[in-house]
C-alpha atoms as a PDB file:
ATOM      1  CA  UNK A   1      44.888  37.198   8.751  1.00  0.00           C
ATOM      2  CA  UNK A   2      45.490  33.438   8.993  1.00  0.00           C
ATOM      3  CA  UNK A   3      43.219  33.305  12.024  1.00  0.00           C
ATOM      4  CA  UNK A   4      40.374  35.006  10.103  1.00  0.00           C
ATOM      5  CA  UNK A   5      40.785  32.647   7.162  1.00  0.00           C
ATOM      6  CA  UNK A   6      40.823  29.634   9.509  1.00  0.00           C
ATOM      7  CA  UNK A   7      37.658  30.791  11.267  1.00  0.00           C
ATOM      8  CA  UNK A   8      35.985  31.433   7.919  1.00  0.00           C
ATOM      9  CA  UNK A   9      37.001  27.971   6.648  1.00  0.00           C
ATOM     10  CA  UNK A  10      35.690  26.225   9.785  1.00  0.00           C
ATOM     11  CA  UNK A  11      32.419  28.190   9.608  1.00  0.00           C
ATOM     12  CA  UNK A  12      31.868  27.235   5.967  1.00  0.00           C
ATOM     13  CA  UNK A  13      32.759  23.608   6.708  1.00  0.00           C
ATOM     14  CA  UNK A  14      30.299  23.411   9.609  1.00  0.00           C
ATOM     15  CA  UNK A  15      27.561  25.060   7.558  1.00  0.00           C
ATOM     16  CA  UNK A  16      28.048  22.601   4.705  1.00  0.00           C
ATOM     17  CA  UNK A  17      28.046  19.580   7.033  1.00  0.00           C
ATOM     18  CA  UNK A  18      24.871  20.809   8.699  1.00  0.00           C
ATOM     19  CA  UNK A  19      23.183  20.908   5.294  1.00  0.00           C
ATOM     20  CA  UNK A  20      24.004  17.241   4.725  1.00  0.00           C
ATOM     21  CA  UNK A  21      21.273  16.022   7.082  1.00  0.00           C
ATOM     22  CA  UNK A  22      18.010  14.481   5.842  1.00  0.00           C
ATOM     23  CA  UNK A  23      16.563  15.718   2.602  1.00  0.00           C
ATOM     24  CA  UNK A  24      13.746  18.225   3.132  1.00  0.00           C
ATOM     25  CA  UNK A  25      12.542  17.365  -0.352  1.00  0.00           C
ATOM     26  CA  UNK A  26      11.262  14.020   0.907  1.00  0.00           C
ATOM     27  CA  UNK A  27       9.967  15.394   4.214  1.00  0.00           C
ATOM     28  CA  UNK A  28      11.541  16.245   7.516  1.00  0.00           C
ATOM     29  CA  UNK A  29      10.331  13.246   9.524  1.00  0.00           C
ATOM     30  CA  UNK A  30       9.574  10.616   6.900  1.00  0.00           C
ATOM     31  CA  UNK A  31      11.977   9.550   4.182  1.00  0.00           C
ATOM     32  CA  UNK A  32       9.113   8.714   1.802  1.00  0.00           C
ATOM     33  CA  UNK A  33       7.247  12.042   1.977  1.00  0.00           C
ATOM     34  CA  UNK A  34       7.069  13.943  -1.285  1.00  0.00           C
ATOM     35  CA  UNK A  35       5.666  13.792  -4.782  1.00  0.00           C
ATOM     36  CA  UNK A  36       6.943  11.337  -7.335  1.00  0.00           C
ATOM     37  CA  UNK A  37       5.888  10.003 -10.693  1.00  0.00           C
ATOM     38  CA  UNK A  38       6.198   6.462 -11.969  1.00  0.00           C
ATOM     39  CA  UNK A  39       7.386   5.546 -15.451  1.00  0.00           C
ATOM     40  CA  UNK A  40       3.755   5.382 -16.633  1.00  0.00           C
ATOM     41  CA  UNK A  41       2.940   8.975 -15.660  1.00  0.00           C
ATOM     42  CA  UNK A  42       0.993   8.208 -12.469  1.00  0.00           C
ATOM     43  CA  UNK A  43       1.697  10.846  -9.819  1.00  0.00           C
ATOM     44  CA  UNK A  44       1.879   9.900  -6.134  1.00  0.00           C
ATOM     45  CA  UNK A  45       1.931  12.395  -3.273  1.00  0.00           C
ATOM     46  CA  UNK A  46       2.804  11.084   0.183  1.00  0.00           C
ATOM     47  CA  UNK A  47       2.118  13.640   2.914  1.00  0.00           C
ATOM     48  CA  UNK A  48       3.579  14.029   6.432  1.00  0.00           C
ATOM     49  CA  UNK A  49       0.159  13.177   7.927  1.00  0.00           C
ATOM     50  CA  UNK A  50       0.341   9.734   6.262  1.00  0.00           C
ATOM     51  CA  UNK A  51      -2.316  10.615   3.681  1.00  0.00           C
ATOM     52  CA  UNK A  52      -1.704  10.049   0.005  1.00  0.00           C
ATOM     53  CA  UNK A  53      -3.043  11.135  -3.332  1.00  0.00           C
ATOM     54  CA  UNK A  54      -2.598   9.097  -6.507  1.00  0.00           C
ATOM     55  CA  UNK A  55      -3.374  10.846  -9.789  1.00  0.00           C
ATOM     56  CA  UNK A  56      -3.552   8.696 -12.890  1.00  0.00           C
ATOM     57  CA  UNK A  57      -2.833  10.067 -16.368  1.00  0.00           C
ATOM     58  CA  UNK A  58      -6.547  10.262 -17.180  1.00  0.00           C
ATOM     59  CA  UNK A  59      -6.897  12.751 -14.268  1.00  0.00           C
ATOM     60  CA  UNK A  60      -8.594  10.173 -12.026  1.00  0.00           C
ATOM     61  CA  UNK A  61      -7.501  10.824  -8.446  1.00  0.00           C
ATOM     62  CA  UNK A  62      -7.536   8.473  -5.478  1.00  0.00           C
ATOM     63  CA  UNK A  63      -7.096   9.610  -1.859  1.00  0.00           C
ATOM     64  CA  UNK A  64      -5.800   7.113   0.675  1.00  0.00           C
ATOM     65  CA  UNK A  65      -3.134   6.452   3.283  1.00  0.00           C
ATOM     66  CA  UNK A  66       0.431   5.210   3.374  1.00  0.00           C
ATOM     67  CA  UNK A  67       2.602   3.672   6.084  1.00  0.00           C
ATOM     68  CA  UNK A  68       6.232   2.947   6.793  1.00  0.00           C
ATOM     69  CA  UNK A  69       5.629   1.016  10.007  1.00  0.00           C
ATOM     70  CA  UNK A  70       5.561   1.929  13.656  1.00  0.00           C
ATOM     71  CA  UNK A  71       8.031   4.701  14.462  1.00  0.00           C
ATOM     72  CA  UNK A  72       8.781   4.954  10.718  1.00  0.00           C
ATOM     73  CA  UNK A  73      11.440   2.249  10.981  1.00  0.00           C
ATOM     74  CA  UNK A  74      10.506   0.053   8.011  1.00  0.00           C
ATOM     75  CA  UNK A  75      12.858   0.312   5.001  1.00  0.00           C
ATOM     76  CA  UNK A  76       9.842   0.456   2.688  1.00  0.00           C
ATOM     77  CA  UNK A  77       6.429   2.086   2.590  1.00  0.00           C
ATOM     78  CA  UNK A  78       3.067   0.616   1.705  1.00  0.00           C
ATOM     79  CA  UNK A  79       0.562   2.719  -0.212  1.00  0.00           C
ATOM     80  CA  UNK A  80      -3.180   2.147  -0.112  1.00  0.00           C
ATOM     81  CA  UNK A  81      -5.251   1.907  -3.263  1.00  0.00           C
ATOM     82  CA  UNK A  82      -8.863   0.817  -3.688  1.00  0.00           C
ATOM     83  CA  UNK A  83      -9.140  -0.033   0.028  1.00  0.00           C
ATOM     84  CA  UNK A  84      -6.083  -2.325   0.077  1.00  0.00           C
ATOM     85  CA  UNK A  85      -3.490  -0.829   2.494  1.00  0.00           C
ATOM     86  CA  UNK A  86      -0.706  -2.894   0.894  1.00  0.00           C
ATOM     87  CA  UNK A  87      -1.499  -2.323  -2.771  1.00  0.00           C
ATOM     88  CA  UNK A  88       1.836  -0.676  -3.599  1.00  0.00           C
ATOM     89  CA  UNK A  89       5.250  -1.111  -2.006  1.00  0.00           C
ATOM     90  CA  UNK A  90       7.815   1.699  -2.257  1.00  0.00           C
ATOM     91  CA  UNK A  91      11.504   1.050  -1.678  1.00  0.00           C
ATOM     92  CA  UNK A  92      14.764   2.535  -2.967  1.00  0.00           C
ATOM     93  CA  UNK A  93      13.067   4.654  -5.661  1.00  0.00           C
ATOM     94  CA  UNK A  94      11.093   1.733  -7.055  1.00  0.00           C
ATOM     95  CA  UNK A  95       7.427   0.877  -6.780  1.00  0.00           C
ATOM     96  CA  UNK A  96       6.286  -2.726  -6.547  1.00  0.00           C
ATOM     97  CA  UNK A  97       2.886  -4.342  -6.691  1.00  0.00           C
ATOM     98  CA  UNK A  98       3.702  -7.323  -4.468  1.00  0.00           C
ATOM     99  CA  UNK A  99       5.883  -7.677  -1.361  1.00  0.00           C
ATOM    100  CA  UNK A 100       7.605 -10.767  -2.731  1.00  0.00           C
ATOM    101  CA  UNK A 101       8.569  -8.872  -5.900  1.00  0.00           C
ATOM    102  CA  UNK A 102      10.057  -6.113  -3.735  1.00  0.00           C
ATOM    103  CA  UNK A 103      11.999  -8.601  -1.605  1.00  0.00           C
ATOM    104  CA  UNK A 104      13.362 -10.331  -4.714  1.00  0.00           C
ATOM    105  CA  UNK A 105      13.963  -7.084  -6.657  1.00  0.00           C
ATOM    106  CA  UNK A 106      11.848  -8.045  -9.639  1.00  0.00           C
ATOM    107  CA  UNK A 107       8.984  -6.370 -11.526  1.00  0.00           C
ATOM    108  CA  UNK A 108      10.014  -2.948 -10.267  1.00  0.00           C
ATOM    109  CA  UNK A 109       8.598   0.298 -11.547  1.00  0.00           C
ATOM    110  CA  UNK A 110      11.083   3.195 -11.605  1.00  0.00           C
ATOM    111  CA  UNK A 111       9.958   6.395  -9.901  1.00  0.00           C
ATOM    112  CA  UNK A 112      11.374   9.908  -9.743  1.00  0.00           C
ATOM    113  CA  UNK A 113      10.720  12.393  -6.937  1.00  0.00           C
ATOM    114  CA  UNK A 114       9.935  15.902  -8.085  1.00  0.00           C
END
């Protein structure tokens, strides 16, 4: 009986540890993939194929691209808007308008993934 309980415990432990990998909610290969909304109600969708959709509260939608660097190694993502590939910066659940603001942690816009 102890052997069965031990095997069951180890199986449950391994299954729970396996589930602790990357979050599928934000994408399997990219930590920024997913849909989030900023504190002003603008909805951003970052897709696995590096395309993005930004929907403003007035239902205006913009399609563009996003990037997190070569081999997805950058700790932040840039999001294109109005032809500017570095219009938004996304890092640690905050959106920034300028790289310097992101680096200094100021003027951040709180976001929440859905």
